[in-house]
C-alpha atoms as a PDB file:
ATOM      1  CA  MET A   1     104.398 -47.018-179.947  1.00  0.00           C
ATOM      2  CA  PRO A   2     104.230 -49.955-177.478  1.00  0.00           C
ATOM      3  CA  GLU A   3     106.660 -50.199-174.570  1.00  0.00           C
ATOM      4  CA  ARG A   4     110.086 -51.396-175.600  1.00  0.00           C
ATOM      5  CA  TRP A   5     111.089 -54.794-174.240  1.00  0.00           C
ATOM      6  CA  THR A   6     114.601 -56.196-174.634  1.00  0.00           C
ATOM      7  CA  ASP A   7     115.075 -59.622-176.217  1.00  0.00           C
ATOM      8  CA  HIS A   8     116.226 -60.945-172.851  1.00  0.00           C
ATOM      9  CA  ALA A   9     113.143 -59.618-171.086  1.00  0.00           C
ATOM     10  CA  LEU A  10     110.908 -61.155-173.733  1.00  0.00           C
ATOM     11  CA  ALA A  11     112.658 -64.504-173.399  1.00  0.00           C
ATOM     12  CA  LEU A  12     112.124 -64.518-169.649  1.00  0.00           C
ATOM     13  CA  ARG A  13     108.503 -63.493-170.049  1.00  0.00           C
ATOM     14  CA  ALA A  14     107.950 -66.194-172.650  1.00  0.00           C
ATOM     15  CA  ILE A  15     108.982 -68.828-170.120  1.00  0.00           C
ATOM     16  CA  GLU A  16     106.415 -67.555-167.625  1.00  0.00           C
ATOM     17  CA  LEU A  17     103.731 -67.375-170.319  1.00  0.00           C
ATOM     18  CA  ARG A  18     104.472 -70.950-171.358  1.00  0.00           C
ATOM     19  CA  ARG A  19     103.921 -72.014-167.740  1.00  0.00           C
ATOM     20  CA  ARG A  20     100.567 -70.208-167.697  1.00  0.00           C
ATOM     21  CA  LEU A  21      99.562 -71.642-171.061  1.00  0.00           C
ATOM     22  CA  LEU A  22     100.236 -75.209-169.972  1.00  0.00           C
ATOM     23  CA  ARG A  23      98.437 -74.794-166.648  1.00  0.00           C
ATOM     24  CA  LEU A  24      95.482 -73.190-168.439  1.00  0.00           C
ATOM     25  CA  ILE A  25      95.169 -76.150-170.808  1.00  0.00           C
ATOM     26  CA  VAL A  26      95.481 -78.682-167.986  1.00  0.00           C
ATOM     27  CA  ASP A  27      92.852 -76.821-165.920  1.00  0.00           C
ATOM     28  CA  ALA A  28      90.544 -76.600-168.942  1.00  0.00           C
ATOM     29  CA  GLY A  29      91.075 -80.233-169.837  1.00  0.00           C
ATOM     30  CA  ALA A  30      91.348 -79.210-173.484  1.00  0.00           C
ATOM     31  CA  GLY A  31      93.387 -76.990-175.742  1.00  0.00           C
ATOM     32  CA  HIS A  32      95.825 -76.747-178.608  1.00  0.00           C
ATOM     33  CA  THR A  33      99.157 -77.063-176.877  1.00  0.00           C
ATOM     34  CA  GLY A  34     101.548 -77.454-179.807  1.00  0.00           C
ATOM     35  CA  GLY A  35     100.265 -74.546-181.896  1.00  0.00           C
ATOM     36  CA  GLY A  36      99.928 -72.334-178.844  1.00  0.00           C
ATOM     37  CA  LEU A  37     103.571 -72.878-177.972  1.00  0.00           C
ATOM     38  CA  SER A  38     104.698 -72.319-181.575  1.00  0.00           C
ATOM     39  CA  SER A  39     102.844 -68.997-181.883  1.00  0.00           C
ATOM     40  CA  LEU A  40     103.508 -67.549-178.419  1.00  0.00           C
ATOM     41  CA  ASP A  41     106.715 -65.719-179.354  1.00  0.00           C
ATOM     42  CA  ILE A  42     105.007 -64.140-182.376  1.00  0.00           C
ATOM     43  CA  LEU A  43     102.183 -62.892-180.150  1.00  0.00           C
ATOM     44  CA  GLN A  44     104.641 -61.490-177.635  1.00  0.00           C
ATOM     45  CA  VAL A  45     106.440 -59.478-180.315  1.00  0.00           C
ATOM     46  CA  LEU A  46     103.173 -58.247-181.768  1.00  0.00           C
ATOM     47  CA  TYR A  47     101.725 -57.027-178.478  1.00  0.00           C
ATOM     48  CA  ARG A  48     104.983 -55.789-176.925  1.00  0.00           C
ATOM     49  CA  ARG A  49     106.674 -54.203-179.914  1.00  0.00           C
ATOM     50  CA  VAL A  50     104.457 -53.835-182.955  1.00  0.00           C
ATOM     51  CA  LEU A  51     100.714 -53.295-182.482  1.00  0.00           C
ATOM     52  CA  ARG A  52      99.613 -49.707-181.914  1.00  0.00           C
ATOM     53  CA  VAL A  53      96.856 -50.699-179.504  1.00  0.00           C
ATOM     54  CA  SER A  54      96.586 -51.105-175.736  1.00  0.00           C
ATOM     55  CA  PRO A  55      93.851 -51.839-173.186  1.00  0.00           C
ATOM     56  CA  GLU A  56      93.254 -48.078-173.013  1.00  0.00           C
ATOM     57  CA  THR A  57      92.869 -47.719-176.800  1.00  0.00           C
ATOM     58  CA  ALA A  58      91.084 -51.026-177.471  1.00  0.00           C
ATOM     59  CA  THR A  59      88.093 -49.234-178.989  1.00  0.00           C
ATOM     60  CA  ASP A  60      89.934 -46.386-180.739  1.00  0.00           C
ATOM     61  CA  PRO A  61      88.755 -46.557-184.367  1.00  0.00           C
ATOM     62  CA  ARG A  62      92.258 -45.707-185.588  1.00  0.00           C
ATOM     63  CA  ARG A  63      93.977 -48.563-183.657  1.00  0.00           C
ATOM     64  CA  ASP A  64      95.849 -51.412-185.297  1.00  0.00           C
ATOM     65  CA  ARG A  65      93.876 -54.649-185.636  1.00  0.00           C
ATOM     66  CA  TYR A  66      94.976 -58.199-184.834  1.00  0.00           C
ATOM     67  CA  VAL A  67      93.034 -61.165-186.208  1.00  0.00           C
ATOM     68  CA  GLN A  68      93.875 -64.690-185.041  1.00  0.00           C
ATOM     69  CA  SER A  69      92.737 -66.791-187.939  1.00  0.00           C
ATOM     70  CA  LYS A  70      94.054 -69.977-186.331  1.00  0.00           C
ATOM     71  CA  GLY A  71      91.409 -69.528-183.671  1.00  0.00           C
ATOM     72  CA  HIS A  72      91.842 -72.955-182.125  1.00  0.00           C
ATOM     73  CA  CYS A  73      95.082 -71.724-180.523  1.00  0.00           C
ATOM     74  CA  VAL A  74      93.207 -69.100-178.527  1.00  0.00           C
ATOM     75  CA  GLU A  75      94.873 -70.184-175.276  1.00  0.00           C
ATOM     76  CA  ALA A  76      98.098 -68.463-176.350  1.00  0.00           C
ATOM     77  CA  LEU A  77      96.163 -65.296-177.194  1.00  0.00           C
ATOM     78  CA  TYR A  78      94.337 -65.350-173.846  1.00  0.00           C
ATOM     79  CA  THR A  79      97.663 -65.721-172.053  1.00  0.00           C
ATOM     80  CA  VAL A  80      99.274 -62.766-173.814  1.00  0.00           C
ATOM     81  CA  LEU A  81      96.209 -60.503-173.568  1.00  0.00           C
ATOM     82  CA  ALA A  82      95.939 -61.149-169.836  1.00  0.00           C
ATOM     83  CA  ASP A  83      99.621 -60.405-169.390  1.00  0.00           C
ATOM     84  CA  CYS A  84      99.229 -57.123-171.296  1.00  0.00           C
ATOM     85  CA  GLY A  85      96.374 -55.986-169.048  1.00  0.00           C
ATOM     86  CA  TYR A  86      93.312 -56.531-171.234  1.00  0.00           C
ATOM     87  CA  PHE A  87      91.660 -58.553-168.449  1.00  0.00           C
ATOM     88  CA  ASP A  88      92.423 -60.075-165.057  1.00  0.00           C
ATOM     89  CA  PRO A  89      94.925 -62.970-165.366  1.00  0.00           C
ATOM     90  CA  ALA A  90      92.813 -64.822-162.774  1.00  0.00           C
ATOM     91  CA  ASP A  91      90.214 -65.223-165.522  1.00  0.00           C
ATOM     92  CA  LEU A  92      92.507 -67.744-167.212  1.00  0.00           C
ATOM     93  CA  ALA A  93      91.437 -70.299-164.605  1.00  0.00           C
ATOM     94  CA  THR A  94      87.934 -70.238-166.069  1.00  0.00           C
ATOM     95  CA  VAL A  95      88.819 -71.061-169.674  1.00  0.00           C
ATOM     96  CA  CYS A  96      86.406 -73.670-171.065  1.00  0.00           C
ATOM     97  CA  HIS A  97      84.595 -73.897-167.739  1.00  0.00           C
ATOM     98  CA  TYR A  98      80.802 -73.799-167.435  1.00  0.00           C
ATOM     99  CA  GLN A  99      79.337 -70.341-168.260  1.00  0.00           C
ATOM    100  CA  SER A 100      82.776 -68.780-168.750  1.00  0.00           C
ATOM    101  CA  PRO A 101      83.016 -66.379-171.717  1.00  0.00           C
ATOM    102  CA  TYR A 102      86.551 -67.708-172.303  1.00  0.00           C
ATOM    103  CA  VAL A 103      85.707 -70.477-174.741  1.00  0.00           C
ATOM    104  CA  GLY A 104      87.911 -72.530-177.026  1.00  0.00           C
ATOM    105  CA  HIS A 105      87.961 -70.004-179.858  1.00  0.00           C
ATOM    106  CA  PRO A 106      88.301 -66.200-179.954  1.00  0.00           C
ATOM    107  CA  THR A 107      85.077 -64.262-179.389  1.00  0.00           C
ATOM    108  CA  ARG A 108      84.391 -60.556-179.217  1.00  0.00           C
ATOM    109  CA  LYS A 109      83.053 -61.033-175.694  1.00  0.00           C
ATOM    110  CA  ILE A 110      86.667 -60.841-174.524  1.00  0.00           C
ATOM    111  CA  ARG A 111      88.315 -57.418-174.332  1.00  0.00           C
ATOM    112  CA  GLY A 112      91.060 -57.113-176.913  1.00  0.00           C
ATOM    113  CA  ILE A 113      89.680 -59.683-179.340  1.00  0.00           C
ATOM    114  CA  GLU A 114      88.552 -58.029-182.574  1.00  0.00           C
ATOM    115  CA  VAL A 115      86.590 -60.772-184.268  1.00  0.00           C
ATOM    116  CA  ASN A 116      85.206 -64.261-183.722  1.00  0.00           C
ATOM    117  CA  THR A 117      87.388 -66.836-185.468  1.00  0.00           C
ATOM    118  CA  GLY A 118      87.758 -70.549-185.533  1.00  0.00           C
ATOM    119  CA  ALA A 119      86.465 -71.816-188.827  1.00  0.00           C
ATOM    120  CA  LEU A 120      89.742 -71.861-190.731  1.00  0.00           C
ATOM    121  CA  GLY A 121      90.233 -69.731-193.807  1.00  0.00           C
ATOM    122  CA  HIS A 122      88.173 -66.785-192.593  1.00  0.00           C
ATOM    123  CA  GLY A 123      90.767 -64.594-190.885  1.00  0.00           C
ATOM    124  CA  LEU A 124      92.573 -63.338-193.966  1.00  0.00           C
ATOM    125  CA  PRO A 125      89.369 -62.432-195.860  1.00  0.00           C
ATOM    126  CA  ILE A 126      88.253 -60.490-192.775  1.00  0.00           C
ATOM    127  CA  GLY A 127      91.643 -58.794-192.619  1.00  0.00           C
ATOM    128  CA  VAL A 128      91.307 -57.721-196.241  1.00  0.00           C
ATOM    129  CA  GLY A 129      87.962 -56.129-195.399  1.00  0.00           C
ATOM    130  CA  MET A 130      89.406 -54.361-192.376  1.00  0.00           C
ATOM    131  CA  ALA A 131      92.315 -52.985-194.379  1.00  0.00           C
ATOM    132  CA  LEU A 132      90.004 -51.750-197.132  1.00  0.00           C
ATOM    133  CA  ALA A 133      87.722 -50.100-194.569  1.00  0.00           C
ATOM    134  CA  ALA A 134      90.667 -48.363-192.905  1.00  0.00           C
ATOM    135  CA  ARG A 135      91.769 -46.982-196.253  1.00  0.00           C
ATOM    136  CA  MET A 136      88.279 -45.666-196.948  1.00  0.00           C
ATOM    137  CA  ASP A 137      88.271 -44.027-193.511  1.00  0.00           C
ATOM    138  CA  GLU A 138      91.744 -42.550-194.160  1.00  0.00           C
ATOM    139  CA  ALA A 139      92.868 -44.142-190.886  1.00  0.00           C
ATOM    140  CA  PRO A 140      96.502 -45.150-190.187  1.00  0.00           C
ATOM    141  CA  THR A 141      95.319 -48.603-189.101  1.00  0.00           C
ATOM    142  CA  ARG A 142      97.491 -51.615-189.875  1.00  0.00           C
ATOM    143  CA  VAL A 143      95.945 -55.094-189.903  1.00  0.00           C
ATOM    144  CA  PHE A 144      97.848 -58.199-188.789  1.00  0.00           C
ATOM    145  CA  VAL A 145      96.488 -61.714-189.395  1.00  0.00           C
ATOM    146  CA  LEU A 146      98.047 -64.833-187.864  1.00  0.00           C
ATOM    147  CA  MET A 147      97.426 -68.049-189.752  1.00  0.00           C
ATOM    148  CA  GLY A 148      98.447 -71.673-189.461  1.00  0.00           C
ATOM    149  CA  ASP A 149     100.155 -73.454-192.338  1.00  0.00           C
ATOM    150  CA  GLY A 150      97.602 -76.289-192.348  1.00  0.00           C
ATOM    151  CA  GLU A 151      94.973 -73.602-192.801  1.00  0.00           C
ATOM    152  CA  LEU A 152      96.307 -72.799-196.271  1.00  0.00           C
ATOM    153  CA  ALA A 153      94.371 -75.766-197.661  1.00  0.00           C
ATOM    154  CA  GLU A 154      91.283 -73.540-197.461  1.00  0.00           C
ATOM    155  CA  GLY A 155      90.724 -71.915-200.851  1.00  0.00           C
ATOM    156  CA  SER A 156      89.279 -68.740-199.345  1.00  0.00           C
ATOM    157  CA  ASN A 157      92.791 -67.754-198.288  1.00  0.00           C
ATOM    158  CA  TRP A 158      93.976 -67.580-201.862  1.00  0.00           C
ATOM    159  CA  GLU A 159      90.960 -65.548-202.937  1.00  0.00           C
ATOM    160  CA  ALA A 160      91.807 -63.109-200.147  1.00  0.00           C
ATOM    161  CA  ALA A 161      95.489 -63.070-201.116  1.00  0.00           C
ATOM    162  CA  GLN A 162      94.552 -62.198-204.670  1.00  0.00           C
ATOM    163  CA  ALA A 163      92.184 -59.441-203.555  1.00  0.00           C
ATOM    164  CA  ALA A 164      94.728 -57.929-201.140  1.00  0.00           C
ATOM    165  CA  ALA A 165      97.296 -57.616-203.913  1.00  0.00           C
ATOM    166  CA  HIS A 166      94.714 -56.323-206.379  1.00  0.00           C
ATOM    167  CA  TYR A 167      93.759 -53.511-204.015  1.00  0.00           C
ATOM    168  CA  GLY A 168      97.372 -52.791-203.061  1.00  0.00           C
ATOM    169  CA  LEU A 169      96.771 -53.238-199.315  1.00  0.00           C
ATOM    170  CA  ASP A 170     100.232 -52.382-198.027  1.00  0.00           C
ATOM    171  CA  ARG A 171      99.008 -52.026-194.430  1.00  0.00           C
ATOM    172  CA  LEU A 172      97.900 -55.656-194.337  1.00  0.00           C
ATOM    173  CA  VAL A 173     100.321 -58.191-192.852  1.00  0.00           C
ATOM    174  CA  MET A 174      99.791 -61.957-192.939  1.00  0.00           C
ATOM    175  CA  ILE A 175     101.976 -63.919-190.505  1.00  0.00           C
ATOM    176  CA  LEU A 176     102.185 -67.656-191.078  1.00  0.00           C
ATOM    177  CA  ASP A 177     102.970 -69.877-188.088  1.00  0.00           C
ATOM    178  CA  HIS A 178     104.976 -72.251-190.250  1.00  0.00           C
ATOM    179  CA  ASN A 179     105.492 -75.278-187.988  1.00  0.00           C
ATOM    180  CA  ARG A 180     104.750 -77.825-190.742  1.00  0.00           C
ATOM    181  CA  LEU A 181     102.341 -79.939-188.654  1.00  0.00           C
ATOM    182  CA  GLN A 182      98.560 -80.068-188.528  1.00  0.00           C
ATOM    183  CA  ILE A 183      96.052 -82.237-186.721  1.00  0.00           C
ATOM    184  CA  THR A 184      96.366 -85.298-188.949  1.00  0.00           C
ATOM    185  CA  GLY A 185     100.047 -85.134-189.825  1.00  0.00           C
ATOM    186  CA  SER A 186     102.606 -83.050-191.653  1.00  0.00           C
ATOM    187  CA  THR A 187     101.345 -80.349-193.996  1.00  0.00           C
ATOM    188  CA  ARG A 188     103.467 -81.908-196.719  1.00  0.00           C
ATOM    189  CA  ASP A 189     101.609 -85.221-196.445  1.00  0.00           C
ATOM    190  CA  VAL A 190      98.083 -83.862-195.843  1.00  0.00           C
ATOM    191  CA  MET A 191      98.041 -81.075-198.436  1.00  0.00           C
ATOM    192  CA  SER A 192     101.425 -79.894-199.660  1.00  0.00           C
ATOM    193  CA  ASN A 193     101.632 -76.107-199.820  1.00  0.00           C
ATOM    194  CA  GLU A 194     105.255 -75.494-200.804  1.00  0.00           C
ATOM    195  CA  PRO A 195     107.004 -73.490-202.170  1.00  0.00           C
ATOM    196  CA  LEU A 196     105.232 -70.979-199.957  1.00  0.00           C
ATOM    197  CA  ALA A 197     107.444 -67.966-200.580  1.00  0.00           C
ATOM    198  CA  ASP A 198     107.096 -68.360-204.340  1.00  0.00           C
ATOM    199  CA  LYS A 199     103.327 -68.780-204.128  1.00  0.00           C
ATOM    200  CA  TRP A 200     102.740 -65.663-202.037  1.00  0.00           C
ATOM    201  CA  ALA A 201     105.111 -63.668-204.225  1.00  0.00           C
ATOM    202  CA  ALA A 202     103.260 -64.879-207.319  1.00  0.00           C
ATOM    203  CA  PHE A 203     100.059 -63.499-205.810  1.00  0.00           C
ATOM    204  CA  GLY A 204     101.712 -60.079-205.565  1.00  0.00           C
ATOM    205  CA  TRP A 205     102.755 -60.072-201.900  1.00  0.00           C
ATOM    206  CA  HIS A 206     106.083 -58.916-200.495  1.00  0.00           C
ATOM    207  CA  VAL A 207     107.508 -61.960-198.690  1.00  0.00           C
ATOM    208  CA  ARG A 208     109.903 -62.153-195.743  1.00  0.00           C
ATOM    209  CA  THR A 209     111.045 -65.396-194.080  1.00  0.00           C
ATOM    210  CA  VAL A 210     112.170 -65.208-190.442  1.00  0.00           C
ATOM    211  CA  ASP A 211     112.814 -67.418-187.434  1.00  0.00           C
ATOM    212  CA  GLY A 212     109.494 -67.269-185.605  1.00  0.00           C
ATOM    213  CA  HIS A 213     111.222 -67.514-182.228  1.00  0.00           C
ATOM    214  CA  ASP A 214     113.815 -64.780-182.885  1.00  0.00           C
ATOM    215  CA  TYR A 215     112.469 -61.617-181.289  1.00  0.00           C
ATOM    216  CA  ALA A 216     114.810 -59.222-183.086  1.00  0.00           C
ATOM    217  CA  ALA A 217     114.176 -60.764-186.516  1.00  0.00           C
ATOM    218  CA  LEU A 218     110.429 -60.799-185.995  1.00  0.00           C
ATOM    219  CA  THR A 219     110.412 -57.211-184.811  1.00  0.00           C
ATOM    220  CA  GLU A 220     112.347 -55.973-187.811  1.00  0.00           C
ATOM    221  CA  ALA A 221     110.240 -57.988-190.272  1.00  0.00           C
ATOM    222  CA  LEU A 222     106.962 -56.772-188.791  1.00  0.00           C
ATOM    223  CA  ASN A 223     107.907 -53.146-188.269  1.00  0.00           C
ATOM    224  CA  THR A 224     109.527 -52.561-191.671  1.00  0.00           C
ATOM    225  CA  PRO A 225     106.858 -51.534-194.186  1.00  0.00           C
ATOM    226  CA  PRO A 226     106.650 -53.462-197.470  1.00  0.00           C
ATOM    227  CA  PRO A 227     107.083 -51.697-200.818  1.00  0.00           C
ATOM    228  CA  ALA A 228     104.206 -49.326-201.578  1.00  0.00           C
ATOM    229  CA  GLY A 229     101.157 -51.114-202.914  1.00  0.00           C
ATOM    230  CA  GLN A 230     102.108 -54.602-201.735  1.00  0.00           C
ATOM    231  CA  PRO A 231     100.661 -56.532-198.777  1.00  0.00           C
ATOM    232  CA  LEU A 232     103.265 -58.174-196.542  1.00  0.00           C
ATOM    233  CA  CYS A 233     103.646 -61.930-195.977  1.00  0.00           C
ATOM    234  CA  ILE A 234     105.793 -63.025-193.025  1.00  0.00           C
ATOM    235  CA  LEU A 235     106.735 -66.695-193.175  1.00  0.00           C
ATOM    236  CA  ALA A 236     107.613 -67.324-189.531  1.00  0.00           C
ATOM    237  CA  GLU A 237     109.557 -70.571-189.226  1.00  0.00           C
ATOM    238  CA  THR A 238     108.443 -72.079-185.928  1.00  0.00           C
ATOM    239  CA  VAL A 239     108.597 -75.301-183.916  1.00  0.00           C
ATOM    240  CA  LYS A 240     105.357 -76.914-182.840  1.00  0.00           C
ATOM    241  CA  GLY A 241     105.486 -77.402-179.064  1.00  0.00           C
ATOM    242  CA  LYS A 242     108.374 -74.934-178.790  1.00  0.00           C
ATOM    243  CA  GLY A 243     110.119 -74.915-175.407  1.00  0.00           C
ATOM    244  CA  ILE A 244     109.099 -78.364-174.146  1.00  0.00           C
ATOM    245  CA  SER A 245     111.429 -81.122-175.306  1.00  0.00           C
ATOM    246  CA  PHE A 246     108.931 -83.967-175.524  1.00  0.00           C
ATOM    247  CA  MET A 247     106.359 -81.840-177.349  1.00  0.00           C
ATOM    248  CA  GLU A 248     108.574 -80.257-180.003  1.00  0.00           C
ATOM    249  CA  ASN A 249     107.728 -81.422-183.543  1.00  0.00           C
ATOM    250  CA  VAL A 250     105.443 -84.186-182.231  1.00  0.00           C
ATOM    251  CA  GLY A 251     102.093 -84.215-183.997  1.00  0.00           C
ATOM    252  CA  LYS A 252     100.046 -85.661-181.133  1.00  0.00           C
ATOM    253  CA  TRP A 253     100.567 -82.444-179.180  1.00  0.00           C
ATOM    254  CA  HIS A 254      98.470 -80.549-181.714  1.00  0.00           C
ATOM    255  CA  HIS A 255      95.675 -80.726-179.141  1.00  0.00           C
ATOM    256  CA  GLY A 256      97.196 -82.962-176.496  1.00  0.00           C
ATOM    257  CA  VAL A 257      96.554 -82.201-172.811  1.00  0.00           C
ATOM    258  CA  PRO A 258      99.485 -82.973-170.503  1.00  0.00           C
ATOM    259  CA  SER A 259      99.023 -85.437-167.652  1.00  0.00           C
ATOM    260  CA  ALA A 260     100.082 -84.375-164.170  1.00  0.00           C
ATOM    261  CA  GLU A 261     103.438 -86.061-164.675  1.00  0.00           C
ATOM    262  CA  GLN A 262     103.958 -84.471-168.082  1.00  0.00           C
ATOM    263  CA  LEU A 263     103.049 -81.058-166.716  1.00  0.00           C
ATOM    264  CA  ALA A 264     105.572 -81.472-163.922  1.00  0.00           C
ATOM    265  CA  GLN A 265     108.257 -82.426-166.430  1.00  0.00           C
ATOM    266  CA  ALA A 266     107.394 -79.473-168.684  1.00  0.00           C
ATOM    267  CA  LEU A 267     107.494 -77.029-165.769  1.00  0.00           C
ATOM    268  CA  ALA A 268     110.848 -78.429-164.667  1.00  0.00           C
ATOM    269  CA  GLU A 269     112.230 -77.806-168.155  1.00  0.00           C
ATOM    270  CA  LEU A 270     110.937 -74.245-168.077  1.00  0.00           C
ATOM    271  CA  ASP A 271     112.479 -73.719-164.631  1.00  0.00           C
ATOM    272  CA  ALA A 272     115.816 -74.882-166.025  1.00  0.00           C
ATOM    273  CA  ALA A 273     115.496 -72.583-169.020  1.00  0.00           C
ATOM    274  CA  GLU A 274     114.772 -69.652-166.732  1.00  0.00           C
ATOM    275  CA  ALA A 275     117.737 -70.474-164.516  1.00  0.00           C
ATOM    276  CA  ALA A 276     120.000 -70.480-167.579  1.00  0.00           C
ATOM    277  CA  LEU A 277     118.709 -67.072-168.638  1.00  0.00           C
ATOM    278  CA  ARG A 278     119.164 -65.686-165.128  1.00  0.00           C
ATOM    279  CA  ALA A 279     122.721 -66.974-165.121  1.00  0.00           C
ATOM    280  CA  GLU A 280     123.365 -64.957-168.262  1.00  0.00           C
ATOM    281  CA  GLU A 281     122.298 -61.847-166.353  1.00  0.00           C
ATOM    282  CA  VAL A 282     124.840 -62.554-163.604  1.00  0.00           C
ATOM    283  CA  SER A 283     127.703 -63.203-166.017  1.00  0.00           C
ATOM    284  CA  ALA A 284     126.937 -60.197-168.223  1.00  0.00           C
END
């Protein structure tokens, strides 16, 4: 089982990771800022509290698998993997630079990344295959797939959802980063996908809805097995651009790159958030 982190420790770490994520995107001159910030807390909980995998066991055939279907938000994954020791954090300075293996979507060239992703609607079908393979191998492997809500417009997801339920893949977990915004607007306006809980339940999945920035709620939802024979759907309610006031719930930050002034403002907000958390330590 991964090392146990307190909620307070995770909150402090999340502030530092948000700093690194923003600097990475500014250095790269490209990136998906809003979705990276909305999914960062989910990734922290997965890698700190849930996934039975580490840099030392990254090739163990019986390890848990993580698939980032919303591959365009790879900057958040790079940031968390580096922080967990999968590679040197200094490598983050090379993201999207000439001849760097750290490109704008996940690739298996990077230690800790299981599968190339980026074309939306592929992650869940791959996860279904992984979960079926693990069952055939009689391995204890669990498979976790992170998706974006705009991604649900891809029909392949629903074929995979149907197959997962048909085969009773109760070690498959789909986590939806439900921030309600995609590149061209709100998911409701572009391709309405509600009522999500009812739809996943109708496909035979066990559904849980949680605050995607609540570490305790996420941990419990992810670590509690679903009923036997049912795959698990976690609807993680998140805020696009979480943690930076002028980015939160603003569509243009889907892939916006902060200017120098905006970066300074964002870092100042994170400094203030850290100071408030540190003050809680003193008063406790």
